[in-house]
């Protein structure tokens, strides 16, 4: 049993670092491209990647301790605050875009990024959820749900970017961003309550 716990903790660390590496790349591409084409959805997606890196780092910090359970609540609180901050920023920027203060241009790079994330993120999330549940760790499952959220956000981002590119519907971009904000609030509340795991 002790050997299995050690194996699971090593797997958590490996998955966390894989998530961090992918999200650093994803954040850089999304933020630069989002700024270039004035896309609130892409910027929100990039900020979600930054939040995800922060949350993964919090889980890495938790599992660097001899007794990771003692750091569980602090890691969950950090994940929750990260979600709430993301939701607040994206909501404000989306409303500004819907009021006509900015208009997104089409972005083939953003579409490619969304497709790549739809491929990578579900695999990482599934592995994290499975490991976190076996380990009995709410913070690992909360972080995994944040990774899974990235898949939903990728789908919303893809729809918004494709509608803008195909039909010139620039309003689809901030609407997609508001979907991202809504998911972030929901996941933040779950992390705050410590619900994500292990009934």
N, C-alpha and C. Protein backbone atom coordinates (compact mmCIF):
# COMPACT_ATOMS: atom_id res chain seq x y z
N UNK A 1 0.83 -1.21 0.00
CA UNK A 1 0.00 0.00 0.00
C UNK A 1 0.87 1.26 0.00
N UNK A 2 1.93 1.25 0.82
CA UNK A 2 2.83 2.40 0.86
C UNK A 2 3.52 2.57 -0.49
N UNK A 3 3.93 1.43 -1.12
CA UNK A 3 4.56 1.50 -2.43
C UNK A 3 3.60 2.09 -3.47
N UNK A 4 2.32 1.69 -3.38
CA UNK A 4 1.33 2.21 -4.33
C UNK A 4 1.14 3.71 -4.13
N UNK A 5 1.09 4.16 -2.88
CA UNK A 5 0.96 5.60 -2.61
C UNK A 5 2.14 6.37 -3.21
N UNK A 6 3.33 5.84 -3.04
CA UNK A 6 4.52 6.49 -3.60
C UNK A 6 4.47 6.55 -5.12
N UNK A 7 4.01 5.45 -5.73
CA UNK A 7 3.87 5.41 -7.19
C UNK A 7 2.87 6.45 -7.67
N UNK A 8 1.73 6.54 -6.98
CA UNK A 8 0.70 7.51 -7.35
C UNK A 8 1.20 8.94 -7.18
N UNK A 9 1.92 9.20 -6.11
CA UNK A 9 2.44 10.55 -5.89
C UNK A 9 3.46 10.93 -6.96
N UNK A 10 4.29 9.97 -7.37
CA UNK A 10 5.24 10.25 -8.47
C UNK A 10 4.47 10.52 -9.76
N UNK A 11 3.40 9.75 -10.00
CA UNK A 11 2.59 9.96 -11.21
C UNK A 11 1.94 11.34 -11.19
N UNK A 12 1.46 11.76 -10.02
CA UNK A 12 0.87 13.10 -9.90
C UNK A 12 1.90 14.15 -10.30
N UNK A 13 3.12 14.03 -9.78
CA UNK A 13 4.16 15.01 -10.11
C UNK A 13 4.45 15.04 -11.61
N UNK A 14 4.52 13.86 -12.23
CA UNK A 14 4.78 13.78 -13.67
C UNK A 14 3.65 14.43 -14.48
N UNK A 15 2.41 14.12 -14.10
CA UNK A 15 1.25 14.70 -14.81
C UNK A 15 1.19 16.21 -14.61
N UNK A 16 1.50 16.65 -13.40
CA UNK A 16 1.50 18.09 -13.13
C UNK A 16 2.52 18.80 -14.02
N UNK A 17 3.72 18.25 -14.12
CA UNK A 17 4.75 18.91 -14.94
C UNK A 17 4.41 18.85 -16.43
N UNK A 18 3.78 17.76 -16.88
CA UNK A 18 3.33 17.70 -18.28
C UNK A 18 2.27 18.76 -18.55
N UNK A 19 1.35 18.94 -17.60
CA UNK A 19 0.30 19.96 -17.73
C UNK A 19 0.91 21.36 -17.76
N UNK A 20 1.87 21.59 -16.88
CA UNK A 20 2.52 22.90 -16.84
C UNK A 20 3.21 23.19 -18.18
N UNK A 21 3.97 22.22 -18.69
CA UNK A 21 4.71 22.44 -19.93
C UNK A 21 3.76 22.77 -21.09
N UNK A 22 2.69 21.98 -21.23
CA UNK A 22 1.76 22.25 -22.33
C UNK A 22 1.09 23.61 -22.16
N UNK A 23 0.70 23.92 -20.95
CA UNK A 23 -0.03 25.17 -20.72
C UNK A 23 0.84 26.42 -20.86
N UNK A 24 2.11 26.32 -20.59
CA UNK A 24 3.00 27.46 -20.83
C UNK A 24 3.02 27.79 -22.31
N UNK A 25 3.15 26.76 -23.14
CA UNK A 25 3.13 26.95 -24.60
C UNK A 25 1.78 27.49 -25.05
N UNK A 26 0.71 26.86 -24.55
CA UNK A 26 -0.65 27.27 -24.92
C UNK A 26 -0.91 28.73 -24.53
N UNK A 27 -0.51 29.10 -23.33
CA UNK A 27 -0.72 30.47 -22.85
C UNK A 27 0.02 31.47 -23.72
N UNK A 28 1.27 31.18 -24.04
CA UNK A 28 2.06 32.11 -24.85
C UNK A 28 1.43 32.32 -26.22
N UNK A 29 1.04 31.23 -26.87
CA UNK A 29 0.42 31.34 -28.20
C UNK A 29 -0.90 32.09 -28.11
N UNK A 30 -1.75 31.73 -27.16
CA UNK A 30 -3.08 32.34 -27.06
C UNK A 30 -3.00 33.82 -26.71
N UNK A 31 -2.13 34.20 -25.78
CA UNK A 31 -2.05 35.60 -25.38
C UNK A 31 -1.47 36.48 -26.49
N UNK A 32 -0.43 36.00 -27.15
CA UNK A 32 0.16 36.79 -28.24
C UNK A 32 -0.82 36.91 -29.40
N UNK A 33 -1.42 35.80 -29.79
CA UNK A 33 -2.37 35.83 -30.91
C UNK A 33 -3.64 36.59 -30.53
N UNK A 34 -4.11 36.42 -29.30
CA UNK A 34 -5.30 37.14 -28.85
C UNK A 34 -5.09 38.64 -28.89
N UNK A 35 -3.92 39.10 -28.48
CA UNK A 35 -3.61 40.53 -28.54
C UNK A 35 -3.52 41.00 -29.99
N UNK A 36 -2.95 40.17 -30.84
CA UNK A 36 -2.78 40.55 -32.25
C UNK A 36 -4.12 40.74 -32.96
N UNK A 37 -5.10 39.84 -32.66
CA UNK A 37 -6.39 39.90 -33.37
C UNK A 37 -7.50 40.49 -32.52
N UNK A 38 -7.17 41.02 -31.35
CA UNK A 38 -8.16 41.62 -30.41
C UNK A 38 -9.25 40.63 -30.02
N UNK A 39 -8.85 39.40 -29.72
CA UNK A 39 -9.81 38.35 -29.36
C UNK A 39 -9.89 38.16 -27.85
N UNK A 40 -11.04 38.55 -27.28
CA UNK A 40 -11.26 38.36 -25.85
C UNK A 40 -11.25 36.87 -25.51
N UNK A 41 -11.82 36.05 -26.39
CA UNK A 41 -11.87 34.61 -26.13
C UNK A 41 -10.47 34.02 -26.11
N UNK A 42 -9.63 34.40 -27.05
CA UNK A 42 -8.26 33.87 -27.06
C UNK A 42 -7.47 34.35 -25.85
N UNK A 43 -7.64 35.63 -25.49
CA UNK A 43 -6.93 36.14 -24.30
C UNK A 43 -7.44 35.42 -23.04
N UNK A 44 -8.76 35.24 -22.94
CA UNK A 44 -9.31 34.50 -21.81
C UNK A 44 -8.80 33.08 -21.77
N UNK A 45 -8.70 32.46 -22.93
CA UNK A 45 -8.18 31.10 -23.01
C UNK A 45 -6.71 31.06 -22.57
N UNK A 46 -5.95 32.06 -23.00
CA UNK A 46 -4.55 32.14 -22.59
C UNK A 46 -4.41 32.36 -21.09
N UNK A 47 -5.27 33.22 -20.54
CA UNK A 47 -5.24 33.45 -19.09
C UNK A 47 -5.66 32.20 -18.33
N UNK A 48 -6.61 31.45 -18.89
CA UNK A 48 -6.97 30.18 -18.25
C UNK A 48 -5.75 29.26 -18.20
N UNK A 49 -4.95 29.29 -19.26
CA UNK A 49 -3.74 28.46 -19.25
C UNK A 49 -2.77 28.92 -18.18
N UNK A 50 -2.67 30.25 -17.98
CA UNK A 50 -1.82 30.77 -16.90
C UNK A 50 -2.35 30.31 -15.54
N UNK A 51 -3.68 30.39 -15.37
CA UNK A 51 -4.30 29.93 -14.12
C UNK A 51 -4.04 28.44 -13.92
N UNK A 52 -4.13 27.69 -15.01
CA UNK A 52 -3.91 26.24 -14.90
C UNK A 52 -2.47 25.93 -14.50
N UNK A 53 -1.53 26.69 -15.04
CA UNK A 53 -0.13 26.52 -14.63
C UNK A 53 0.02 26.82 -13.15
N UNK A 54 -0.63 27.89 -12.68
CA UNK A 54 -0.56 28.25 -11.26
C UNK A 54 -1.17 27.16 -10.38
N UNK A 55 -2.30 26.63 -10.82
CA UNK A 55 -2.95 25.57 -10.04
C UNK A 55 -2.10 24.30 -10.02
N UNK A 56 -1.52 23.96 -11.17
CA UNK A 56 -0.64 22.79 -11.21
C UNK A 56 0.57 22.99 -10.32
N UNK A 57 1.08 24.21 -10.29
CA UNK A 57 2.21 24.51 -9.41
C UNK A 57 1.80 24.37 -7.94
N UNK A 58 0.56 24.76 -7.63
CA UNK A 58 0.07 24.61 -6.25
C UNK A 58 0.00 23.14 -5.86
N UNK A 59 -0.43 22.30 -6.80
CA UNK A 59 -0.49 20.84 -6.52
C UNK A 59 0.92 20.29 -6.39
N UNK A 60 1.84 20.77 -7.24
CA UNK A 60 3.24 20.32 -7.13
C UNK A 60 3.80 20.72 -5.76
N UNK A 61 3.48 21.94 -5.31
CA UNK A 61 3.90 22.40 -3.99
C UNK A 61 3.32 21.49 -2.90
N UNK A 62 2.05 21.14 -3.05
CA UNK A 62 1.40 20.27 -2.06
C UNK A 62 2.13 18.93 -1.96
N UNK A 63 2.43 18.33 -3.12
CA UNK A 63 3.01 16.99 -3.12
C UNK A 63 4.52 16.99 -2.95
N UNK A 64 5.10 18.16 -2.78
CA UNK A 64 6.52 18.24 -2.42
C UNK A 64 6.70 18.07 -0.91
N UNK A 65 5.61 18.17 -0.16
CA UNK A 65 5.67 18.03 1.30
C UNK A 65 5.70 16.56 1.70
N UNK A 66 6.23 16.30 2.88
CA UNK A 66 6.22 14.93 3.39
C UNK A 66 4.81 14.45 3.64
N UNK A 67 3.94 15.36 4.09
CA UNK A 67 2.53 15.03 4.33
C UNK A 67 1.66 15.94 3.45
N UNK A 68 1.40 15.52 2.19
CA UNK A 68 0.65 16.38 1.25
C UNK A 68 -0.75 16.76 1.74
N UNK A 69 -1.36 15.91 2.58
CA UNK A 69 -2.73 16.21 3.03
C UNK A 69 -2.79 17.50 3.85
N UNK A 70 -1.71 17.85 4.52
CA UNK A 70 -1.70 19.08 5.34
C UNK A 70 -1.79 20.33 4.47
N UNK A 71 -1.38 20.22 3.21
CA UNK A 71 -1.41 21.37 2.31
C UNK A 71 -2.64 21.35 1.37
N UNK A 72 -3.48 20.35 1.53
CA UNK A 72 -4.62 20.17 0.62
C UNK A 72 -5.54 21.39 0.57
N UNK A 73 -5.96 21.89 1.73
CA UNK A 73 -6.92 22.99 1.77
C UNK A 73 -6.34 24.24 1.13
N UNK A 74 -5.08 24.55 1.41
CA UNK A 74 -4.45 25.73 0.82
C UNK A 74 -4.38 25.61 -0.70
N UNK A 75 -4.05 24.42 -1.19
CA UNK A 75 -3.98 24.22 -2.64
C UNK A 75 -5.36 24.40 -3.28
N UNK A 76 -6.41 23.87 -2.64
CA UNK A 76 -7.78 24.04 -3.15
C UNK A 76 -8.20 25.50 -3.17
N UNK A 77 -7.87 26.24 -2.12
CA UNK A 77 -8.22 27.66 -2.07
C UNK A 77 -7.54 28.42 -3.20
N UNK A 78 -6.29 28.09 -3.44
CA UNK A 78 -5.56 28.76 -4.51
C UNK A 78 -6.21 28.48 -5.86
N UNK A 79 -6.57 27.22 -6.11
CA UNK A 79 -7.24 26.87 -7.37
C UNK A 79 -8.54 27.66 -7.50
N UNK A 80 -9.32 27.73 -6.43
CA UNK A 80 -10.60 28.45 -6.47
C UNK A 80 -10.40 29.93 -6.78
N UNK A 81 -9.49 30.59 -6.07
CA UNK A 81 -9.24 32.01 -6.32
C UNK A 81 -8.77 32.24 -7.76
N UNK A 82 -7.99 31.32 -8.28
CA UNK A 82 -7.52 31.45 -9.66
C UNK A 82 -8.69 31.45 -10.64
N UNK A 83 -9.62 30.53 -10.42
CA UNK A 83 -10.82 30.48 -11.28
C UNK A 83 -11.62 31.77 -11.19
N UNK A 84 -11.82 32.28 -9.98
CA UNK A 84 -12.64 33.48 -9.80
C UNK A 84 -11.98 34.70 -10.47
N UNK A 85 -10.67 34.81 -10.35
CA UNK A 85 -9.97 35.93 -10.99
C UNK A 85 -10.10 35.85 -12.51
N UNK A 86 -9.95 34.66 -13.05
CA UNK A 86 -10.11 34.47 -14.49
C UNK A 86 -11.51 34.88 -14.93
N UNK A 87 -12.52 34.41 -14.22
CA UNK A 87 -13.91 34.70 -14.58
C UNK A 87 -14.18 36.20 -14.55
N UNK A 88 -13.67 36.89 -13.55
CA UNK A 88 -13.90 38.34 -13.44
C UNK A 88 -13.28 39.08 -14.62
N UNK A 89 -12.04 38.77 -14.93
CA UNK A 89 -11.36 39.46 -16.02
C UNK A 89 -12.07 39.21 -17.36
N UNK A 90 -12.35 37.95 -17.65
CA UNK A 90 -12.94 37.60 -18.94
C UNK A 90 -14.34 38.21 -19.06
N UNK A 91 -15.10 38.25 -17.98
CA UNK A 91 -16.44 38.84 -18.03
C UNK A 91 -16.38 40.33 -18.39
N UNK A 92 -15.48 41.05 -17.74
CA UNK A 92 -15.35 42.49 -18.01
C UNK A 92 -14.94 42.72 -19.46
N UNK A 93 -13.93 41.98 -19.93
CA UNK A 93 -13.46 42.16 -21.30
C UNK A 93 -14.51 41.74 -22.32
N UNK A 94 -15.29 40.72 -22.03
CA UNK A 94 -16.35 40.28 -22.94
C UNK A 94 -17.43 41.34 -23.06
N UNK A 95 -17.81 41.92 -21.94
CA UNK A 95 -18.83 42.98 -21.96
C UNK A 95 -18.34 44.19 -22.74
N UNK A 96 -17.07 44.54 -22.58
CA UNK A 96 -16.50 45.64 -23.36
C UNK A 96 -16.59 45.34 -24.85
N UNK A 97 -16.28 44.10 -25.23
CA UNK A 97 -16.33 43.73 -26.65
C UNK A 97 -17.76 43.75 -27.16
N UNK A 98 -18.71 43.26 -26.37
CA UNK A 98 -20.11 43.25 -26.79
C UNK A 98 -20.68 44.66 -26.91
N UNK A 99 -20.12 45.59 -26.15
CA UNK A 99 -20.55 46.99 -26.25
C UNK A 99 -19.87 47.72 -27.41
N UNK A 100 -19.05 47.00 -28.15
CA UNK A 100 -18.44 47.59 -29.33
C UNK A 100 -17.15 48.32 -29.09
N UNK A 101 -16.54 48.15 -27.93
CA UNK A 101 -15.28 48.84 -27.63
C UNK A 101 -14.08 48.16 -28.27
N UNK A 102 -14.26 46.91 -28.71
CA UNK A 102 -13.22 46.22 -29.48
C UNK A 102 -13.90 45.17 -30.35
N UNK A 103 -13.24 44.78 -31.43
CA UNK A 103 -13.83 43.79 -32.33
C UNK A 103 -12.73 42.81 -32.75
N UNK A 104 -13.01 41.52 -32.58
CA UNK A 104 -12.02 40.50 -32.88
C UNK A 104 -11.94 40.25 -34.39
N UNK A 105 -10.69 40.03 -34.84
CA UNK A 105 -10.47 39.62 -36.23
C UNK A 105 -10.31 38.11 -36.26
N UNK A 106 -10.36 37.53 -37.45
CA UNK A 106 -10.25 36.07 -37.56
C UNK A 106 -8.83 35.60 -37.24
N UNK A 107 -8.73 34.35 -36.80
CA UNK A 107 -7.44 33.84 -36.34
C UNK A 107 -7.26 32.36 -36.66
N UNK A 108 -6.64 32.03 -37.79
CA UNK A 108 -6.33 30.63 -38.09
C UNK A 108 -5.42 30.00 -37.03
N UNK A 109 -4.49 30.80 -36.47
CA UNK A 109 -3.60 30.28 -35.42
C UNK A 109 -4.42 29.90 -34.20
N UNK A 110 -5.39 30.74 -33.82
CA UNK A 110 -6.25 30.43 -32.68
C UNK A 110 -7.08 29.17 -32.91
N UNK A 111 -7.57 29.00 -34.13
CA UNK A 111 -8.34 27.80 -34.46
C UNK A 111 -7.46 26.56 -34.32
N UNK A 112 -6.22 26.63 -34.82
CA UNK A 112 -5.30 25.50 -34.69
C UNK A 112 -4.98 25.19 -33.23
N UNK A 113 -4.80 26.24 -32.44
CA UNK A 113 -4.54 26.05 -31.00
C UNK A 113 -5.71 25.37 -30.30
N UNK A 114 -6.93 25.80 -30.64
CA UNK A 114 -8.11 25.19 -30.02
C UNK A 114 -8.22 23.71 -30.38
N UNK A 115 -7.93 23.36 -31.62
CA UNK A 115 -7.97 21.95 -32.05
C UNK A 115 -6.91 21.14 -31.31
N UNK A 116 -5.70 21.70 -31.20
CA UNK A 116 -4.63 20.98 -30.48
C UNK A 116 -5.01 20.74 -29.02
N UNK A 117 -5.59 21.75 -28.38
CA UNK A 117 -5.99 21.60 -26.97
C UNK A 117 -7.12 20.59 -26.81
N UNK A 118 -8.03 20.55 -27.77
CA UNK A 118 -9.10 19.55 -27.72
C UNK A 118 -8.55 18.13 -27.83
N UNK A 119 -7.37 17.99 -28.38
CA UNK A 119 -6.74 16.68 -28.50
C UNK A 119 -5.95 16.31 -27.24
N UNK A 120 -5.17 17.27 -26.72
CA UNK A 120 -4.23 16.98 -25.63
C UNK A 120 -4.91 16.98 -24.25
N UNK A 121 -5.74 17.98 -23.99
CA UNK A 121 -6.24 18.19 -22.63
C UNK A 121 -7.13 17.07 -22.08
N UNK A 122 -8.03 16.48 -22.87
CA UNK A 122 -8.83 15.39 -22.28
C UNK A 122 -7.98 14.21 -21.81
N UNK A 123 -6.90 13.93 -22.53
CA UNK A 123 -6.02 12.82 -22.14
C UNK A 123 -5.34 13.12 -20.80
N UNK A 124 -4.78 14.33 -20.67
CA UNK A 124 -4.15 14.72 -19.41
C UNK A 124 -5.15 14.73 -18.25
N UNK A 125 -6.35 15.26 -18.51
CA UNK A 125 -7.36 15.35 -17.46
C UNK A 125 -7.78 13.96 -16.99
N UNK A 126 -8.02 13.06 -17.92
CA UNK A 126 -8.44 11.70 -17.57
C UNK A 126 -7.40 11.03 -16.68
N UNK A 127 -6.12 11.17 -17.05
CA UNK A 127 -5.05 10.54 -16.26
C UNK A 127 -4.98 11.16 -14.86
N UNK A 128 -5.15 12.48 -14.76
CA UNK A 128 -5.11 13.14 -13.46
C UNK A 128 -6.29 12.75 -12.58
N UNK A 129 -7.49 12.71 -13.16
CA UNK A 129 -8.68 12.35 -12.38
C UNK A 129 -8.56 10.94 -11.84
N UNK A 130 -8.14 10.03 -12.69
CA UNK A 130 -8.00 8.63 -12.27
C UNK A 130 -6.97 8.50 -11.13
N UNK A 131 -5.84 9.17 -11.28
CA UNK A 131 -4.79 9.11 -10.26
C UNK A 131 -5.24 9.80 -8.98
N UNK A 132 -5.86 10.98 -9.10
CA UNK A 132 -6.31 11.72 -7.93
C UNK A 132 -7.36 10.97 -7.13
N UNK A 133 -8.28 10.32 -7.82
CA UNK A 133 -9.32 9.55 -7.11
C UNK A 133 -8.72 8.35 -6.39
N UNK A 134 -7.80 7.67 -7.06
CA UNK A 134 -7.17 6.52 -6.40
C UNK A 134 -6.36 6.97 -5.19
N UNK A 135 -5.75 8.14 -5.31
CA UNK A 135 -4.95 8.68 -4.21
C UNK A 135 -5.83 9.29 -3.12
N UNK A 136 -7.10 9.63 -3.46
CA UNK A 136 -8.01 10.27 -2.51
C UNK A 136 -7.70 11.74 -2.30
N UNK A 137 -7.20 12.41 -3.34
CA UNK A 137 -6.78 13.80 -3.20
C UNK A 137 -7.73 14.74 -3.94
N UNK A 138 -8.43 15.58 -3.17
CA UNK A 138 -9.32 16.58 -3.77
C UNK A 138 -8.55 17.59 -4.61
N UNK A 139 -7.36 17.99 -4.18
CA UNK A 139 -6.64 19.01 -4.93
C UNK A 139 -6.18 18.49 -6.29
N UNK A 140 -5.79 17.21 -6.37
CA UNK A 140 -5.40 16.64 -7.65
C UNK A 140 -6.60 16.57 -8.58
N UNK A 141 -7.75 16.16 -8.04
CA UNK A 141 -8.96 16.08 -8.87
C UNK A 141 -9.41 17.48 -9.28
N UNK A 142 -9.30 18.46 -8.38
CA UNK A 142 -9.65 19.84 -8.73
C UNK A 142 -8.75 20.35 -9.85
N UNK A 143 -7.47 20.07 -9.76
CA UNK A 143 -6.55 20.46 -10.81
C UNK A 143 -6.88 19.74 -12.12
N UNK A 144 -7.24 18.46 -12.02
CA UNK A 144 -7.63 17.70 -13.21
C UNK A 144 -8.89 18.27 -13.84
N UNK A 145 -9.83 18.70 -13.00
CA UNK A 145 -11.04 19.31 -13.54
C UNK A 145 -10.72 20.63 -14.23
N UNK A 146 -9.71 21.31 -13.74
CA UNK A 146 -9.28 22.53 -14.41
C UNK A 146 -8.70 22.17 -15.78
N UNK A 147 -7.96 21.08 -15.86
CA UNK A 147 -7.44 20.61 -17.15
C UNK A 147 -8.59 20.21 -18.06
N UNK A 148 -9.60 19.52 -17.52
CA UNK A 148 -10.76 19.15 -18.32
C UNK A 148 -11.54 20.38 -18.76
N UNK A 149 -11.62 21.37 -17.88
CA UNK A 149 -12.26 22.64 -18.24
C UNK A 149 -11.61 23.22 -19.49
N UNK A 150 -10.30 23.06 -19.61
CA UNK A 150 -9.59 23.56 -20.78
C UNK A 150 -10.13 22.92 -22.05
N UNK A 151 -10.57 21.66 -21.98
CA UNK A 151 -11.17 21.01 -23.15
C UNK A 151 -12.48 21.68 -23.53
N UNK A 152 -13.32 21.97 -22.52
CA UNK A 152 -14.59 22.65 -22.80
C UNK A 152 -14.33 24.05 -23.35
N UNK A 153 -13.35 24.71 -22.76
CA UNK A 153 -13.02 26.04 -23.22
C UNK A 153 -12.47 26.01 -24.64
N UNK A 154 -11.70 24.97 -24.95
CA UNK A 154 -11.19 24.83 -26.32
C UNK A 154 -12.34 24.70 -27.31
N UNK A 155 -13.37 23.94 -26.93
CA UNK A 155 -14.52 23.78 -27.81
C UNK A 155 -15.26 25.10 -27.98
N UNK A 156 -15.48 25.83 -26.87
CA UNK A 156 -16.15 27.13 -26.96
C UNK A 156 -15.32 28.11 -27.78
N UNK A 157 -14.01 28.12 -27.54
CA UNK A 157 -13.11 28.98 -28.30
C UNK A 157 -13.18 28.65 -29.78
N UNK A 158 -13.13 27.36 -30.11
CA UNK A 158 -13.16 26.93 -31.50
C UNK A 158 -14.45 27.39 -32.19
N UNK A 159 -15.58 27.22 -31.53
CA UNK A 159 -16.85 27.65 -32.11
C UNK A 159 -16.84 29.16 -32.36
N UNK A 160 -16.42 29.94 -31.37
CA UNK A 160 -16.39 31.39 -31.51
C UNK A 160 -15.46 31.84 -32.63
N UNK A 161 -14.27 31.25 -32.71
CA UNK A 161 -13.31 31.65 -33.74
C UNK A 161 -13.76 31.24 -35.13
N UNK A 162 -14.36 30.04 -35.24
CA UNK A 162 -14.84 29.58 -36.55
C UNK A 162 -16.00 30.43 -37.03
N UNK A 163 -16.95 30.76 -36.13
CA UNK A 163 -18.07 31.62 -36.53
C UNK A 163 -17.59 33.00 -36.98
N UNK A 164 -16.60 33.52 -36.28
CA UNK A 164 -16.05 34.82 -36.66
C UNK A 164 -15.35 34.73 -38.02
N UNK A 165 -14.55 33.67 -38.22
CA UNK A 165 -13.82 33.52 -39.47
C UNK A 165 -14.74 33.23 -40.65
N UNK A 166 -15.76 32.39 -40.43
CA UNK A 166 -16.62 31.95 -41.54
C UNK A 166 -17.67 32.99 -41.90
N UNK A 167 -18.24 33.65 -40.89
CA UNK A 167 -19.38 34.54 -41.14
C UNK A 167 -19.14 35.99 -40.75
N UNK A 168 -17.97 36.28 -40.18
CA UNK A 168 -17.71 37.64 -39.74
C UNK A 168 -18.49 38.04 -38.50
N UNK A 169 -18.91 37.05 -37.71
CA UNK A 169 -19.69 37.31 -36.50
C UNK A 169 -18.73 37.61 -35.35
N UNK A 170 -18.28 38.84 -35.26
CA UNK A 170 -17.31 39.18 -34.23
C UNK A 170 -17.90 39.06 -32.82
N UNK A 171 -19.23 39.14 -32.70
CA UNK A 171 -19.86 38.98 -31.38
C UNK A 171 -19.69 37.57 -30.84
N UNK A 172 -19.42 36.58 -31.72
CA UNK A 172 -19.25 35.19 -31.26
C UNK A 172 -18.02 35.05 -30.36
N UNK A 173 -17.02 35.90 -30.58
CA UNK A 173 -15.80 35.83 -29.78
C UNK A 173 -16.07 36.16 -28.31
N UNK A 174 -16.68 37.33 -27.98
CA UNK A 174 -16.94 37.60 -26.57
C UNK A 174 -17.98 36.67 -25.96
N UNK A 175 -18.91 36.15 -26.77
CA UNK A 175 -19.87 35.18 -26.24
C UNK A 175 -19.13 33.91 -25.83
N UNK A 176 -18.20 33.46 -26.66
CA UNK A 176 -17.38 32.29 -26.30
C UNK A 176 -16.59 32.57 -25.03
N UNK A 177 -16.10 33.80 -24.89
CA UNK A 177 -15.35 34.16 -23.68
C UNK A 177 -16.24 34.11 -22.45
N UNK A 178 -17.50 34.53 -22.58
CA UNK A 178 -18.42 34.46 -21.44
C UNK A 178 -18.71 33.02 -21.04
N UNK A 179 -18.76 32.12 -22.02
CA UNK A 179 -18.89 30.69 -21.70
C UNK A 179 -17.69 30.24 -20.86
N UNK A 180 -16.50 30.69 -21.26
CA UNK A 180 -15.29 30.36 -20.50
C UNK A 180 -15.41 30.87 -19.07
N UNK A 181 -15.91 32.11 -18.90
CA UNK A 181 -16.07 32.68 -17.56
C UNK A 181 -17.06 31.88 -16.72
N UNK A 182 -18.16 31.45 -17.34
CA UNK A 182 -19.17 30.67 -16.62
C UNK A 182 -18.62 29.35 -16.10
N UNK A 183 -17.86 28.65 -16.95
CA UNK A 183 -17.23 27.41 -16.51
C UNK A 183 -16.24 27.67 -15.37
N UNK A 184 -15.51 28.78 -15.47
CA UNK A 184 -14.52 29.09 -14.44
C UNK A 184 -15.18 29.32 -13.08
N UNK A 185 -16.31 30.02 -13.06
CA UNK A 185 -17.01 30.25 -11.80
C UNK A 185 -17.48 28.92 -11.20
N UNK A 186 -18.06 28.08 -12.02
CA UNK A 186 -18.55 26.78 -11.52
C UNK A 186 -17.43 25.96 -10.92
N UNK A 187 -16.32 25.86 -11.63
CA UNK A 187 -15.21 25.05 -11.14
C UNK A 187 -14.57 25.69 -9.91
N UNK A 188 -14.54 27.02 -9.86
CA UNK A 188 -14.01 27.69 -8.68
C UNK A 188 -14.83 27.39 -7.44
N UNK A 189 -16.16 27.38 -7.59
CA UNK A 189 -17.03 27.07 -6.46
C UNK A 189 -16.82 25.63 -5.98
N UNK A 190 -16.65 24.70 -6.92
CA UNK A 190 -16.41 23.31 -6.53
C UNK A 190 -15.09 23.18 -5.77
N UNK A 191 -14.06 23.85 -6.29
CA UNK A 191 -12.75 23.77 -5.61
C UNK A 191 -12.83 24.39 -4.22
N UNK A 192 -13.54 25.52 -4.10
CA UNK A 192 -13.68 26.20 -2.79
C UNK A 192 -14.36 25.29 -1.77
N UNK A 193 -15.39 24.58 -2.20
CA UNK A 193 -16.12 23.69 -1.28
C UNK A 193 -15.36 22.39 -1.04
N UNK A 194 -14.35 22.11 -1.88
CA UNK A 194 -13.62 20.85 -1.75
C UNK A 194 -14.42 19.68 -2.28
N UNK A 195 -15.33 19.94 -3.23
CA UNK A 195 -16.21 18.89 -3.74
C UNK A 195 -15.60 17.96 -4.78
N UNK A 196 -14.55 18.32 -5.50
CA UNK A 196 -14.28 17.67 -6.76
C UNK A 196 -14.07 16.17 -6.69
N UNK A 197 -13.72 15.64 -5.54
CA UNK A 197 -13.15 14.29 -5.55
C UNK A 197 -14.13 13.22 -5.21
N UNK A 198 -13.96 12.83 -4.07
CA UNK A 198 -13.84 11.41 -3.84
C UNK A 198 -14.95 10.95 -2.93
N UNK A 199 -16.14 10.85 -3.48
CA UNK A 199 -17.24 10.41 -2.66
C UNK A 199 -17.17 8.97 -2.30
